[in-house]
Amino acid sequence: MPQHKSAEKRARQSAKRRLANREKRSRMRSLTRNVMEAQDKEQAETLLKDAVSYIDRMTTKGLVHKNTAANRKSSLVKHVNNLG
């Protein structure tokens, strides 16, 4: 249990941020999964645009490292390009 007011505040803030980050990471995974599961190339391309945009946004906010984001975007683009 925190002994100081500032430590209590930090604990509250980190819990709040942890929940927000979990939601953002979950959304990023869902968008990625939607692109991978798309059967139609046109649909996959529109989903890809949303996914890449969201991954870039989370990269600028520090949720994922820029190299991780680049790898994820690359694999998504490669997958969409290989669709019929």
C-alpha atoms as a PDB file:
ATOM      1  CA  MET A   1       0.000   0.000   0.000  1.00  0.00           C
ATOM      2  CA  PRO A   2       1.433   3.411  -0.925  1.00  0.00           C
ATOM      3  CA  GLN A   3       2.573   5.513   2.010  1.00  0.00           C
ATOM      4  CA  HIS A   4       2.603   8.887   0.260  1.00  0.00           C
ATOM      5  CA  LYS A   5      -0.053  10.864  -1.556  1.00  0.00           C
ATOM      6  CA  SER A   6       2.059  11.077  -4.685  1.00  0.00           C
ATOM      7  CA  ALA A   7       2.535   7.297  -4.710  1.00  0.00           C
ATOM      8  CA  GLU A   8      -1.233   6.798  -4.426  1.00  0.00           C
ATOM      9  CA  LYS A   9      -1.766   9.157  -7.334  1.00  0.00           C
ATOM     10  CA  ARG A  10       0.857   7.367  -9.443  1.00  0.00           C
ATOM     11  CA  ALA A  11      -0.844   4.033  -8.722  1.00  0.00           C
ATOM     12  CA  ARG A  12      -4.225   5.452  -9.785  1.00  0.00           C
ATOM     13  CA  GLN A  13      -2.753   6.956 -12.940  1.00  0.00           C
ATOM     14  CA  SER A  14      -0.889   3.811 -13.941  1.00  0.00           C
ATOM     15  CA  ALA A  15      -4.012   1.681 -13.461  1.00  0.00           C
ATOM     16  CA  LYS A  16      -6.004   4.084 -15.624  1.00  0.00           C
ATOM     17  CA  ARG A  17      -3.321   4.142 -18.312  1.00  0.00           C
ATOM     18  CA  ARG A  18      -2.961   0.356 -18.243  1.00  0.00           C
ATOM     19  CA  LEU A  19      -6.677  -0.030 -19.019  1.00  0.00           C
ATOM     20  CA  ALA A  20      -6.535   2.536 -21.822  1.00  0.00           C
ATOM     21  CA  ASN A  21      -3.449   0.910 -23.349  1.00  0.00           C
ATOM     22  CA  ARG A  22      -5.044  -2.532 -23.142  1.00  0.00           C
ATOM     23  CA  GLU A  23      -8.066  -1.274 -25.096  1.00  0.00           C
ATOM     24  CA  LYS A  24      -5.856   0.360 -27.715  1.00  0.00           C
ATOM     25  CA  ARG A  25      -3.707  -2.757 -28.127  1.00  0.00           C
ATOM     26  CA  SER A  26      -6.845  -4.877 -28.419  1.00  0.00           C
ATOM     27  CA  ARG A  27      -8.241  -2.604 -31.137  1.00  0.00           C
ATOM     28  CA  MET A  28      -4.942  -2.777 -32.998  1.00  0.00           C
ATOM     29  CA  ARG A  29      -5.017  -6.594 -32.894  1.00  0.00           C
ATOM     30  CA  SER A  30      -8.653  -6.654 -34.012  1.00  0.00           C
ATOM     31  CA  LEU A  31      -7.956  -4.402 -36.993  1.00  0.00           C
ATOM     32  CA  THR A  32      -4.991  -6.581 -37.936  1.00  0.00           C
ATOM     33  CA  ARG A  33      -7.078  -9.745 -37.645  1.00  0.00           C
ATOM     34  CA  ASN A  34      -9.817  -8.221 -39.812  1.00  0.00           C
ATOM     35  CA  VAL A  35      -7.312  -7.539 -42.585  1.00  0.00           C
ATOM     36  CA  MET A  36      -5.890 -11.059 -42.389  1.00  0.00           C
ATOM     37  CA  GLU A  37      -9.333 -12.703 -42.449  1.00  0.00           C
ATOM     38  CA  ALA A  38     -10.680 -10.641 -45.367  1.00  0.00           C
ATOM     39  CA  GLN A  39     -11.282 -12.774 -48.463  1.00  0.00           C
ATOM     40  CA  ASP A  40     -11.981  -9.989 -50.964  1.00  0.00           C
ATOM     41  CA  LYS A  41      -8.984  -7.897 -52.039  1.00  0.00           C
ATOM     42  CA  GLU A  42     -10.943  -4.625 -52.235  1.00  0.00           C
ATOM     43  CA  GLN A  43     -12.350  -5.111 -48.752  1.00  0.00           C
ATOM     44  CA  ALA A  44      -8.890  -6.048 -47.461  1.00  0.00           C
ATOM     45  CA  GLU A  45      -7.428  -2.855 -48.931  1.00  0.00           C
ATOM     46  CA  THR A  46      -9.962  -0.634 -47.157  1.00  0.00           C
ATOM     47  CA  LEU A  47      -9.384  -2.521 -43.902  1.00  0.00           C
ATOM     48  CA  LEU A  48      -5.635  -2.230 -44.459  1.00  0.00           C
ATOM     49  CA  LYS A  49      -5.899   1.543 -44.729  1.00  0.00           C
ATOM     50  CA  ASP A  50      -7.681   1.737 -41.358  1.00  0.00           C
ATOM     51  CA  ALA A  51      -5.266  -0.692 -39.698  1.00  0.00           C
ATOM     52  CA  VAL A  52      -2.129   1.077 -40.934  1.00  0.00           C
ATOM     53  CA  SER A  53      -3.511   4.448 -39.889  1.00  0.00           C
ATOM     54  CA  TYR A  54      -4.293   3.168 -36.391  1.00  0.00           C
ATOM     55  CA  ILE A  55      -0.897   1.459 -36.030  1.00  0.00           C
ATOM     56  CA  ASP A  56       0.817   4.726 -37.021  1.00  0.00           C
ATOM     57  CA  ARG A  57      -1.254   6.664 -34.498  1.00  0.00           C
ATOM     58  CA  MET A  58      -0.353   4.246 -31.703  1.00  0.00           C
ATOM     59  CA  THR A  59       3.311   4.442 -32.702  1.00  0.00           C
ATOM     60  CA  THR A  60       3.364   8.215 -32.318  1.00  0.00           C
ATOM     61  CA  LYS A  61       1.730   7.850 -28.899  1.00  0.00           C
ATOM     62  CA  GLY A  62       4.408   5.359 -27.828  1.00  0.00           C
ATOM     63  CA  LEU A  63       2.203   2.286 -27.517  1.00  0.00           C
ATOM     64  CA  VAL A  64       4.354   0.263 -29.932  1.00  0.00           C
ATOM     65  CA  HIS A  65       7.933   0.733 -31.083  1.00  0.00           C
ATOM     66  CA  LYS A  66       8.411   2.146 -34.569  1.00  0.00           C
ATOM     67  CA  ASN A  67      10.191  -1.000 -35.794  1.00  0.00           C
ATOM     68  CA  THR A  68       7.398  -3.213 -34.481  1.00  0.00           C
ATOM     69  CA  ALA A  69       4.882  -1.020 -36.276  1.00  0.00           C
ATOM     70  CA  ALA A  70       6.909  -1.212 -39.485  1.00  0.00           C
ATOM     71  CA  ASN A  71       7.044  -5.018 -39.282  1.00  0.00           C
ATOM     72  CA  ARG A  72       3.298  -5.298 -38.684  1.00  0.00           C
ATOM     73  CA  LYS A  73       2.439  -2.927 -41.519  1.00  0.00           C
ATOM     74  CA  SER A  74       4.816  -4.740 -43.852  1.00  0.00           C
ATOM     75  CA  SER A  75       3.275  -8.135 -43.149  1.00  0.00           C
ATOM     76  CA  LEU A  76      -0.234  -6.734 -43.623  1.00  0.00           C
ATOM     77  CA  VAL A  77       0.660  -5.144 -46.959  1.00  0.00           C
ATOM     78  CA  LYS A  78       2.377  -8.346 -48.086  1.00  0.00           C
ATOM     79  CA  HIS A  79      -0.731 -10.355 -47.184  1.00  0.00           C
ATOM     80  CA  VAL A  80      -3.077  -8.005 -49.064  1.00  0.00           C
ATOM     81  CA  ASN A  81      -0.821  -8.003 -52.136  1.00  0.00           C
ATOM     82  CA  ASN A  82      -0.896 -11.814 -52.236  1.00  0.00           C
ATOM     83  CA  LEU A  83      -4.699 -11.943 -52.252  1.00  0.00           C
ATOM     84  CA  GLY A  84      -6.411 -12.967 -55.502  1.00  0.00           C
END
